[in-house]
Amino acid sequence: MGPLNGQGSLASIADETGGRMFASGMSTPINFEPFLRQLNVLIGRQFLLSYLTDHMKKGYYKVEVKSSNPDVKIEHPKGYYHRSN
């Protein structure tokens, strides 16, 4: 887990959920154009993967997603919480 500040907290949340944090540091003015360009590329490469689980007990379950191609980088949530009804 990163330092207990705004950027550290965002980095931790992004890591746990399979997301990405875009940071520009503390300088002003902040230029969003490079982040938006990178985000546009990432959105164009997204896939949706769904599955049914047999975990019916309340708790946290880890998720692992792999590719048979070693050159492919997959970003995904590290797990999920199941809340029993």
PDB file of N, CA and C in Angstrom:
ATOM      1  N   MET A   1       0.847  -1.181   0.000  1.00  0.00           N
ATOM      2  CA  MET A   1       0.000   0.000   0.000  1.00  0.00           C
ATOM      3  C   MET A   1       0.887   1.237   0.000  1.00  0.00           C
ATOM      4  N   GLY A   2       0.479   2.247  -0.732  1.00  0.00           N
ATOM      5  CA  GLY A   2       1.255   3.475  -0.868  1.00  0.00           C
ATOM      6  C   GLY A   2       1.139   4.347   0.353  1.00  0.00           C
ATOM      7  N   PRO A   3       1.766   5.506   0.315  1.00  0.00           N
ATOM      8  CA  PRO A   3       1.697   6.429   1.444  1.00  0.00           C
ATOM      9  C   PRO A   3       0.258   6.878   1.682  1.00  0.00           C
ATOM     10  N   LEU A   4      -0.011   7.272   2.916  1.00  0.00           N
ATOM     11  CA  LEU A   4      -1.367   7.684   3.280  1.00  0.00           C
ATOM     12  C   LEU A   4      -1.603   9.132   2.882  1.00  0.00           C
ATOM     13  N   ASN A   5      -1.680   9.373   1.596  1.00  0.00           N
ATOM     14  CA  ASN A   5      -2.032  10.680   1.068  1.00  0.00           C
ATOM     15  C   ASN A   5      -3.001  10.463  -0.083  1.00  0.00           C
ATOM     16  N   GLY A   6      -3.451  11.520  -0.712  1.00  0.00           N
ATOM     17  CA  GLY A   6      -4.428  11.388  -1.783  1.00  0.00           C
ATOM     18  C   GLY A   6      -3.961  10.504  -2.915  1.00  0.00           C
ATOM     19  N   GLN A   7      -2.752  10.747  -3.430  1.00  0.00           N
ATOM     20  CA  GLN A   7      -2.260   9.953  -4.553  1.00  0.00           C
ATOM     21  C   GLN A   7      -1.983   8.514  -4.136  1.00  0.00           C
ATOM     22  N   GLY A   8      -1.479   8.312  -2.930  1.00  0.00           N
ATOM     23  CA  GLY A   8      -1.220   6.952  -2.444  1.00  0.00           C
ATOM     24  C   GLY A   8      -2.504   6.159  -2.302  1.00  0.00           C
ATOM     25  N   SER A   9      -3.541   6.817  -1.803  1.00  0.00           N
ATOM     26  CA  SER A   9      -4.841   6.155  -1.657  1.00  0.00           C
ATOM     27  C   SER A   9      -5.424   5.802  -3.011  1.00  0.00           C
ATOM     28  N   LEU A  10      -5.347   6.738  -3.974  1.00  0.00           N
ATOM     29  CA  LEU A  10      -5.851   6.460  -5.317  1.00  0.00           C
ATOM     30  C   LEU A  10      -5.069   5.322  -5.981  1.00  0.00           C
ATOM     31  N   ALA A  11      -3.761   5.306  -5.773  1.00  0.00           N
ATOM     32  CA  ALA A  11      -2.941   4.245  -6.348  1.00  0.00           C
ATOM     33  C   ALA A  11      -3.339   2.891  -5.769  1.00  0.00           C
ATOM     34  N   SER A  12      -3.616   2.836  -4.471  1.00  0.00           N
ATOM     35  CA  SER A  12      -4.032   1.579  -3.839  1.00  0.00           C
ATOM     36  C   SER A  12      -5.373   1.104  -4.376  1.00  0.00           C
ATOM     37  N   ILE A  13      -6.328   2.021  -4.495  1.00  0.00           N
ATOM     38  CA  ILE A  13      -7.650   1.656  -5.020  1.00  0.00           C
ATOM     39  C   ILE A  13      -7.528   1.186  -6.467  1.00  0.00           C
ATOM     40  N   ALA A  14      -6.748   1.892  -7.271  1.00  0.00           N
ATOM     41  CA  ALA A  14      -6.562   1.505  -8.669  1.00  0.00           C
ATOM     42  C   ALA A  14      -5.940   0.119  -8.763  1.00  0.00           C
ATOM     43  N   ASP A  15      -4.951  -0.167  -7.932  1.00  0.00           N
ATOM     44  CA  ASP A  15      -4.281  -1.467  -7.944  1.00  0.00           C
ATOM     45  C   ASP A  15      -5.238  -2.590  -7.557  1.00  0.00           C
ATOM     46  N   GLU A  16      -6.019  -2.389  -6.526  1.00  0.00           N
ATOM     47  CA  GLU A  16      -6.947  -3.416  -6.046  1.00  0.00           C
ATOM     48  C   GLU A  16      -8.073  -3.696  -7.029  1.00  0.00           C
ATOM     49  N   THR A  17      -8.491  -2.709  -7.792  1.00  0.00           N
ATOM     50  CA  THR A  17      -9.639  -2.872  -8.691  1.00  0.00           C
ATOM     51  C   THR A  17      -9.246  -3.144 -10.133  1.00  0.00           C
ATOM     52  N   GLY A  18      -7.950  -3.256 -10.394  1.00  0.00           N
ATOM     53  CA  GLY A  18      -7.508  -3.516 -11.758  1.00  0.00           C
ATOM     54  C   GLY A  18      -7.483  -2.270 -12.618  1.00  0.00           C
ATOM     55  N   GLY A  19      -7.583  -1.124 -11.986  1.00  0.00           N
ATOM     56  CA  GLY A  19      -7.593   0.136 -12.712  1.00  0.00           C
ATOM     57  C   GLY A  19      -6.218   0.747 -12.817  1.00  0.00           C
ATOM     58  N   ARG A  20      -6.200   1.985 -13.195  1.00  0.00           N
ATOM     59  CA  ARG A  20      -4.945   2.716 -13.363  1.00  0.00           C
ATOM     60  C   ARG A  20      -5.134   4.127 -12.848  1.00  0.00           C
ATOM     61  N   MET A  21      -4.122   4.641 -12.183  1.00  0.00           N
ATOM     62  CA  MET A  21      -4.155   6.011 -11.689  1.00  0.00           C
ATOM     63  C   MET A  21      -3.288   6.877 -12.599  1.00  0.00           C
ATOM     64  N   PHE A  22      -3.773   8.028 -12.954  1.00  0.00           N
ATOM     65  CA  PHE A  22      -3.018   8.974 -13.765  1.00  0.00           C
ATOM     66  C   PHE A  22      -2.621  10.129 -12.844  1.00  0.00           C
ATOM     67  N   ALA A  23      -1.330  10.369 -12.691  1.00  0.00           N
ATOM     68  CA  ALA A  23      -0.857  11.436 -11.807  1.00  0.00           C
ATOM     69  C   ALA A  23       0.068  12.372 -12.562  1.00  0.00           C
ATOM     70  N   SER A  24      -0.048  13.637 -12.242  1.00  0.00           N
ATOM     71  CA  SER A  24       0.772  14.648 -12.891  1.00  0.00           C
ATOM     72  C   SER A  24       1.725  15.311 -11.906  1.00  0.00           C
ATOM     73  N   GLY A  25       1.704  14.871 -10.681  1.00  0.00           N
ATOM     74  CA  GLY A  25       2.549  15.486  -9.670  1.00  0.00           C
ATOM     75  C   GLY A  25       1.873  16.693  -9.059  1.00  0.00           C
ATOM     76  N   MET A  26       2.654  17.567  -8.470  1.00  0.00           N
ATOM     77  CA  MET A  26       2.108  18.703  -7.749  1.00  0.00           C
ATOM     78  C   MET A  26       2.217  20.010  -8.530  1.00  0.00           C
ATOM     79  N   SER A  27       2.732  19.960  -9.748  1.00  0.00           N
ATOM     80  CA  SER A  27       2.924  21.194 -10.507  1.00  0.00           C
ATOM     81  C   SER A  27       1.611  21.688 -11.103  1.00  0.00           C
ATOM     82  N   THR A  28       1.548  22.954 -11.346  1.00  0.00           N
ATOM     83  CA  THR A  28       0.373  23.544 -11.991  1.00  0.00           C
ATOM     84  C   THR A  28       0.841  24.324 -13.206  1.00  0.00           C
ATOM     85  N   PRO A  29       0.128  24.506 -14.242  1.00  0.00           N
ATOM     86  CA  PRO A  29      -1.190  23.899 -14.440  1.00  0.00           C
ATOM     87  C   PRO A  29      -1.064  22.453 -14.891  1.00  0.00           C
ATOM     88  N   ILE A  30      -2.084  21.669 -14.624  1.00  0.00           N
ATOM     89  CA  ILE A  30      -2.100  20.266 -15.015  1.00  0.00           C
ATOM     90  C   ILE A  30      -2.654  20.168 -16.432  1.00  0.00           C
ATOM     91  N   ASN A  31      -1.959  19.444 -17.278  1.00  0.00           N
ATOM     92  CA  ASN A  31      -2.385  19.225 -18.652  1.00  0.00           C
ATOM     93  C   ASN A  31      -2.975  17.819 -18.744  1.00  0.00           C
ATOM     94  N   PHE A  32      -4.270  17.718 -19.003  1.00  0.00           N
ATOM     95  CA  PHE A  32      -4.948  16.422 -19.064  1.00  0.00           C
ATOM     96  C   PHE A  32      -4.798  15.726 -20.410  1.00  0.00           C
ATOM     97  N   GLU A  33      -4.319  16.430 -21.417  1.00  0.00           N
ATOM     98  CA  GLU A  33      -4.266  15.870 -22.768  1.00  0.00           C
ATOM     99  C   GLU A  33      -3.499  14.546 -22.846  1.00  0.00           C
ATOM    100  N   PRO A  34      -2.301  14.411 -22.255  1.00  0.00           N
ATOM    101  CA  PRO A  34      -1.607  13.115 -22.372  1.00  0.00           C
ATOM    102  C   PRO A  34      -2.377  11.979 -21.691  1.00  0.00           C
ATOM    103  N   PHE A  35      -3.034  12.279 -20.573  1.00  0.00           N
ATOM    104  CA  PHE A  35      -3.802  11.254 -19.867  1.00  0.00           C
ATOM    105  C   PHE A  35      -5.016  10.838 -20.688  1.00  0.00           C
ATOM    106  N   LEU A  36      -5.682  11.806 -21.307  1.00  0.00           N
ATOM    107  CA  LEU A  36      -6.859  11.499 -22.118  1.00  0.00           C
ATOM    108  C   LEU A  36      -6.480  10.704 -23.363  1.00  0.00           C
ATOM    109  N   ARG A  37      -5.333  10.999 -23.955  1.00  0.00           N
ATOM    110  CA  ARG A  37      -4.858  10.233 -25.108  1.00  0.00           C
ATOM    111  C   ARG A  37      -4.595   8.775 -24.706  1.00  0.00           C
ATOM    112  N   GLN A  38      -3.913   8.600 -23.574  1.00  0.00           N
ATOM    113  CA  GLN A  38      -3.607   7.253 -23.092  1.00  0.00           C
ATOM    114  C   GLN A  38      -4.890   6.511 -22.719  1.00  0.00           C
ATOM    115  N   LEU A  39      -5.824   7.203 -22.089  1.00  0.00           N
ATOM    116  CA  LEU A  39      -7.105   6.602 -21.721  1.00  0.00           C
ATOM    117  C   LEU A  39      -7.874   6.171 -22.968  1.00  0.00           C
ATOM    118  N   ASN A  40      -7.838   6.957 -24.010  1.00  0.00           N
ATOM    119  CA  ASN A  40      -8.500   6.620 -25.264  1.00  0.00           C
ATOM    120  C   ASN A  40      -7.947   5.321 -25.849  1.00  0.00           C
ATOM    121  N   VAL A  41      -6.636   5.143 -25.792  1.00  0.00           N
ATOM    122  CA  VAL A  41      -6.011   3.913 -26.282  1.00  0.00           C
ATOM    123  C   VAL A  41      -6.451   2.737 -25.422  1.00  0.00           C
ATOM    124  N   LEU A  42      -6.435   2.905 -24.097  1.00  0.00           N
ATOM    125  CA  LEU A  42      -6.814   1.822 -23.192  1.00  0.00           C
ATOM    126  C   LEU A  42      -8.268   1.396 -23.379  1.00  0.00           C
ATOM    127  N   ILE A  43      -9.156   2.344 -23.549  1.00  0.00           N
ATOM    128  CA  ILE A  43     -10.576   2.029 -23.739  1.00  0.00           C
ATOM    129  C   ILE A  43     -10.777   1.239 -25.031  1.00  0.00           C
ATOM    130  N   GLY A  44     -10.003   1.562 -26.037  1.00  0.00           N
ATOM    131  CA  GLY A  44     -10.104   0.851 -27.307  1.00  0.00           C
ATOM    132  C   GLY A  44      -9.607  -0.581 -27.250  1.00  0.00           C
ATOM    133  N   ARG A  45      -8.921  -0.946 -26.188  1.00  0.00           N
ATOM    134  CA  ARG A  45      -8.362  -2.302 -26.056  1.00  0.00           C
ATOM    135  C   ARG A  45      -9.076  -3.131 -24.986  1.00  0.00           C
ATOM    136  N   GLN A  46     -10.207  -2.668 -24.507  1.00  0.00           N
ATOM    137  CA  GLN A  46     -10.898  -3.373 -23.431  1.00  0.00           C
ATOM    138  C   GLN A  46     -11.694  -4.564 -23.951  1.00  0.00           C
ATOM    139  N   PHE A  47     -11.799  -5.564 -23.090  1.00  0.00           N
ATOM    140  CA  PHE A  47     -12.647  -6.728 -23.321  1.00  0.00           C
ATOM    141  C   PHE A  47     -13.457  -6.948 -22.063  1.00  0.00           C
ATOM    142  N   LEU A  48     -14.622  -7.553 -22.214  1.00  0.00           N
ATOM    143  CA  LEU A  48     -15.455  -7.900 -21.075  1.00  0.00           C
ATOM    144  C   LEU A  48     -15.360  -9.401 -20.865  1.00  0.00           C
ATOM    145  N   LEU A  49     -15.054  -9.786 -19.651  1.00  0.00           N
ATOM    146  CA  LEU A  49     -14.964 -11.190 -19.291  1.00  0.00           C
ATOM    147  C   LEU A  49     -15.906 -11.411 -18.118  1.00  0.00           C
ATOM    148  N   SER A  50     -16.760 -12.394 -18.222  1.00  0.00           N
ATOM    149  CA  SER A  50     -17.662 -12.701 -17.110  1.00  0.00           C
ATOM    150  C   SER A  50     -17.615 -14.200 -16.835  1.00  0.00           C
ATOM    151  N   TYR A  51     -17.980 -14.562 -15.631  1.00  0.00           N
ATOM    152  CA  TYR A  51     -17.995 -15.969 -15.258  1.00  0.00           C
ATOM    153  C   TYR A  51     -18.972 -16.156 -14.100  1.00  0.00           C
ATOM    154  N   LEU A  52     -19.391 -17.391 -13.905  1.00  0.00           N
ATOM    155  CA  LEU A  52     -20.231 -17.738 -12.769  1.00  0.00           C
ATOM    156  C   LEU A  52     -19.359 -18.408 -11.727  1.00  0.00           C
ATOM    157  N   THR A  53     -19.561 -18.047 -10.495  1.00  0.00           N
ATOM    158  CA  THR A  53     -18.771 -18.619  -9.415  1.00  0.00           C
ATOM    159  C   THR A  53     -19.586 -19.635  -8.633  1.00  0.00           C
ATOM    160  N   ASP A  54     -18.895 -20.553  -8.001  1.00  0.00           N
ATOM    161  CA  ASP A  54     -19.574 -21.488  -7.105  1.00  0.00           C
ATOM    162  C   ASP A  54     -19.303 -21.128  -5.639  1.00  0.00           C
ATOM    163  N   HIS A  55     -18.679 -19.980  -5.399  1.00  0.00           N
ATOM    164  CA  HIS A  55     -18.441 -19.497  -4.026  1.00  0.00           C
ATOM    165  C   HIS A  55     -19.717 -18.840  -3.520  1.00  0.00           C
ATOM    166  N   MET A  56     -20.406 -19.479  -2.637  1.00  0.00           N
ATOM    167  CA  MET A  56     -21.660 -18.936  -2.139  1.00  0.00           C
ATOM    168  C   MET A  56     -21.537 -18.401  -0.707  1.00  0.00           C
ATOM    169  N   LYS A  57     -20.398 -18.629  -0.067  1.00  0.00           N
ATOM    170  CA  LYS A  57     -20.204 -18.120   1.282  1.00  0.00           C
ATOM    171  C   LYS A  57     -19.749 -16.666   1.235  1.00  0.00           C
ATOM    172  N   LYS A  58     -20.143 -15.928   2.250  1.00  0.00           N
ATOM    173  CA  LYS A  58     -19.742 -14.527   2.377  1.00  0.00           C
ATOM    174  C   LYS A  58     -18.226 -14.446   2.517  1.00  0.00           C
ATOM    175  N   GLY A  59     -17.599 -13.484   1.830  1.00  0.00           N
ATOM    176  CA  GLY A  59     -16.162 -13.315   1.980  1.00  0.00           C
ATOM    177  C   GLY A  59     -15.500 -12.751   0.734  1.00  0.00           C
ATOM    178  N   TYR A  60     -14.179 -12.692   0.797  1.00  0.00           N
ATOM    179  CA  TYR A  60     -13.365 -12.160  -0.289  1.00  0.00           C
ATOM    180  C   TYR A  60     -12.763 -13.326  -1.053  1.00  0.00           C
ATOM    181  N   TYR A  61     -12.831 -13.259  -2.370  1.00  0.00           N
ATOM    182  CA  TYR A  61     -12.284 -14.299  -3.221  1.00  0.00           C
ATOM    183  C   TYR A  61     -11.331 -13.679  -4.238  1.00  0.00           C
ATOM    184  N   LYS A  62     -10.142 -14.256  -4.352  1.00  0.00           N
ATOM    185  CA  LYS A  62      -9.148 -13.767  -5.305  1.00  0.00           C
ATOM    186  C   LYS A  62      -9.510 -14.218  -6.720  1.00  0.00           C
ATOM    187  N   VAL A  63      -9.111 -13.398  -7.694  1.00  0.00           N
ATOM    188  CA  VAL A  63      -9.342 -13.694  -9.103  1.00  0.00           C
ATOM    189  C   VAL A  63      -8.001 -13.655  -9.813  1.00  0.00           C
ATOM    190  N   GLU A  64      -7.765 -14.639 -10.674  1.00  0.00           N
ATOM    191  CA  GLU A  64      -6.545 -14.654 -11.477  1.00  0.00           C
ATOM    192  C   GLU A  64      -6.942 -14.821 -12.941  1.00  0.00           C
ATOM    193  N   VAL A  65      -6.453 -13.943 -13.787  1.00  0.00           N
ATOM    194  CA  VAL A  65      -6.723 -14.000 -15.222  1.00  0.00           C
ATOM    195  C   VAL A  65      -5.372 -14.082 -15.921  1.00  0.00           C
ATOM    196  N   LYS A  66      -5.205 -15.082 -16.772  1.00  0.00           N
ATOM    197  CA  LYS A  66      -3.938 -15.284 -17.480  1.00  0.00           C
ATOM    198  C   LYS A  66      -4.175 -15.345 -18.982  1.00  0.00           C
ATOM    199  N   SER A  67      -3.131 -15.043 -19.733  1.00  0.00           N
ATOM    200  CA  SER A  67      -3.157 -15.183 -21.182  1.00  0.00           C
ATOM    201  C   SER A  67      -2.125 -16.228 -21.573  1.00  0.00           C
ATOM    202  N   SER A  68      -2.417 -16.957 -22.636  1.00  0.00           N
ATOM    203  CA  SER A  68      -1.430 -17.915 -23.145  1.00  0.00           C
ATOM    204  C   SER A  68      -0.316 -17.190 -23.896  1.00  0.00           C
ATOM    205  N   ASN A  69      -0.516 -15.908 -24.199  1.00  0.00           N
ATOM    206  CA  ASN A  69       0.492 -15.099 -24.878  1.00  0.00           C
ATOM    207  C   ASN A  69       1.278 -14.314 -23.827  1.00  0.00           C
ATOM    208  N   PRO A  70       2.559 -14.590 -23.654  1.00  0.00           N
ATOM    209  CA  PRO A  70       3.343 -13.910 -22.612  1.00  0.00           C
ATOM    210  C   PRO A  70       3.537 -12.407 -22.862  1.00  0.00           C
ATOM    211  N   ASP A  71       3.275 -11.941 -24.081  1.00  0.00           N
ATOM    212  CA  ASP A  71       3.417 -10.519 -24.388  1.00  0.00           C
ATOM    213  C   ASP A  71       2.177  -9.703 -24.020  1.00  0.00           C
ATOM    214  N   VAL A  72       1.108 -10.369 -23.625  1.00  0.00           N
ATOM    215  CA  VAL A  72      -0.144  -9.688 -23.288  1.00  0.00           C
ATOM    216  C   VAL A  72      -0.151  -9.358 -21.800  1.00  0.00           C
ATOM    217  N   LYS A  73      -0.433  -8.093 -21.493  1.00  0.00           N
ATOM    218  CA  LYS A  73      -0.563  -7.657 -20.104  1.00  0.00           C
ATOM    219  C   LYS A  73      -2.048  -7.502 -19.800  1.00  0.00           C
ATOM    220  N   ILE A  74      -2.516  -8.199 -18.780  1.00  0.00           N
ATOM    221  CA  ILE A  74      -3.929  -8.148 -18.418  1.00  0.00           C
ATOM    222  C   ILE A  74      -4.061  -7.414 -17.091  1.00  0.00           C
ATOM    223  N   GLU A  75      -4.886  -6.381 -17.092  1.00  0.00           N
ATOM    224  CA  GLU A  75      -5.177  -5.638 -15.867  1.00  0.00           C
ATOM    225  C   GLU A  75      -6.593  -5.991 -15.453  1.00  0.00           C
ATOM    226  N   HIS A  76      -6.749  -6.423 -14.209  1.00  0.00           N
ATOM    227  CA  HIS A  76      -8.056  -6.860 -13.726  1.00  0.00           C
ATOM    228  C   HIS A  76      -8.109  -6.713 -12.209  1.00  0.00           C
ATOM    229  N   PRO A  77      -9.319  -6.734 -11.642  1.00  0.00           N
ATOM    230  CA  PRO A  77      -9.419  -6.679 -10.187  1.00  0.00           C
ATOM    231  C   PRO A  77      -8.727  -7.889  -9.560  1.00  0.00           C
ATOM    232  N   LYS A  78      -8.152  -7.711  -8.392  1.00  0.00           N
ATOM    233  CA  LYS A  78      -7.467  -8.808  -7.714  1.00  0.00           C
ATOM    234  C   LYS A  78      -8.438  -9.786  -7.075  1.00  0.00           C
ATOM    235  N   GLY A  79      -9.663  -9.355  -6.901  1.00  0.00           N
ATOM    236  CA  GLY A  79     -10.655 -10.233  -6.293  1.00  0.00           C
ATOM    237  C   GLY A  79     -11.982  -9.539  -6.156  1.00  0.00           C
ATOM    238  N   TYR A  80     -12.891 -10.173  -5.441  1.00  0.00           N
ATOM    239  CA  TYR A  80     -14.213  -9.604  -5.235  1.00  0.00           C
ATOM    240  C   TYR A  80     -14.754 -10.048  -3.874  1.00  0.00           C
ATOM    241  N   TYR A  81     -15.689  -9.290  -3.369  1.00  0.00           N
ATOM    242  CA  TYR A  81     -16.385  -9.626  -2.136  1.00  0.00           C
ATOM    243  C   TYR A  81     -17.751 -10.188  -2.480  1.00  0.00           C
ATOM    244  N   HIS A  82     -18.076 -11.331  -1.875  1.00  0.00           N
ATOM    245  CA  HIS A  82     -19.432 -11.872  -2.025  1.00  0.00           C
ATOM    246  C   HIS A  82     -20.169 -11.638  -0.716  1.00  0.00           C
ATOM    247  N   ARG A  83     -21.326 -11.024  -0.839  1.00  0.00           N
ATOM    248  CA  ARG A  83     -22.156 -10.753   0.333  1.00  0.00           C
ATOM    249  C   ARG A  83     -23.389 -11.639   0.267  1.00  0.00           C
ATOM    250  N   SER A  84     -23.515 -12.526   1.204  1.00  0.00           N
ATOM    251  CA  SER A  84     -24.681 -13.421   1.237  1.00  0.00           C
ATOM    252  C   SER A  84     -25.948 -12.636   1.453  1.00  0.00           C
ATOM    253  N   ASN A  85     -27.021 -13.081   0.830  1.00  0.00           N
ATOM    254  CA  ASN A  85     -28.326 -12.421   1.033  1.00  0.00           C
ATOM    255  C   ASN A  85     -29.062 -13.007   2.205  1.00  0.00           C
TER     256      ASN A  85
END
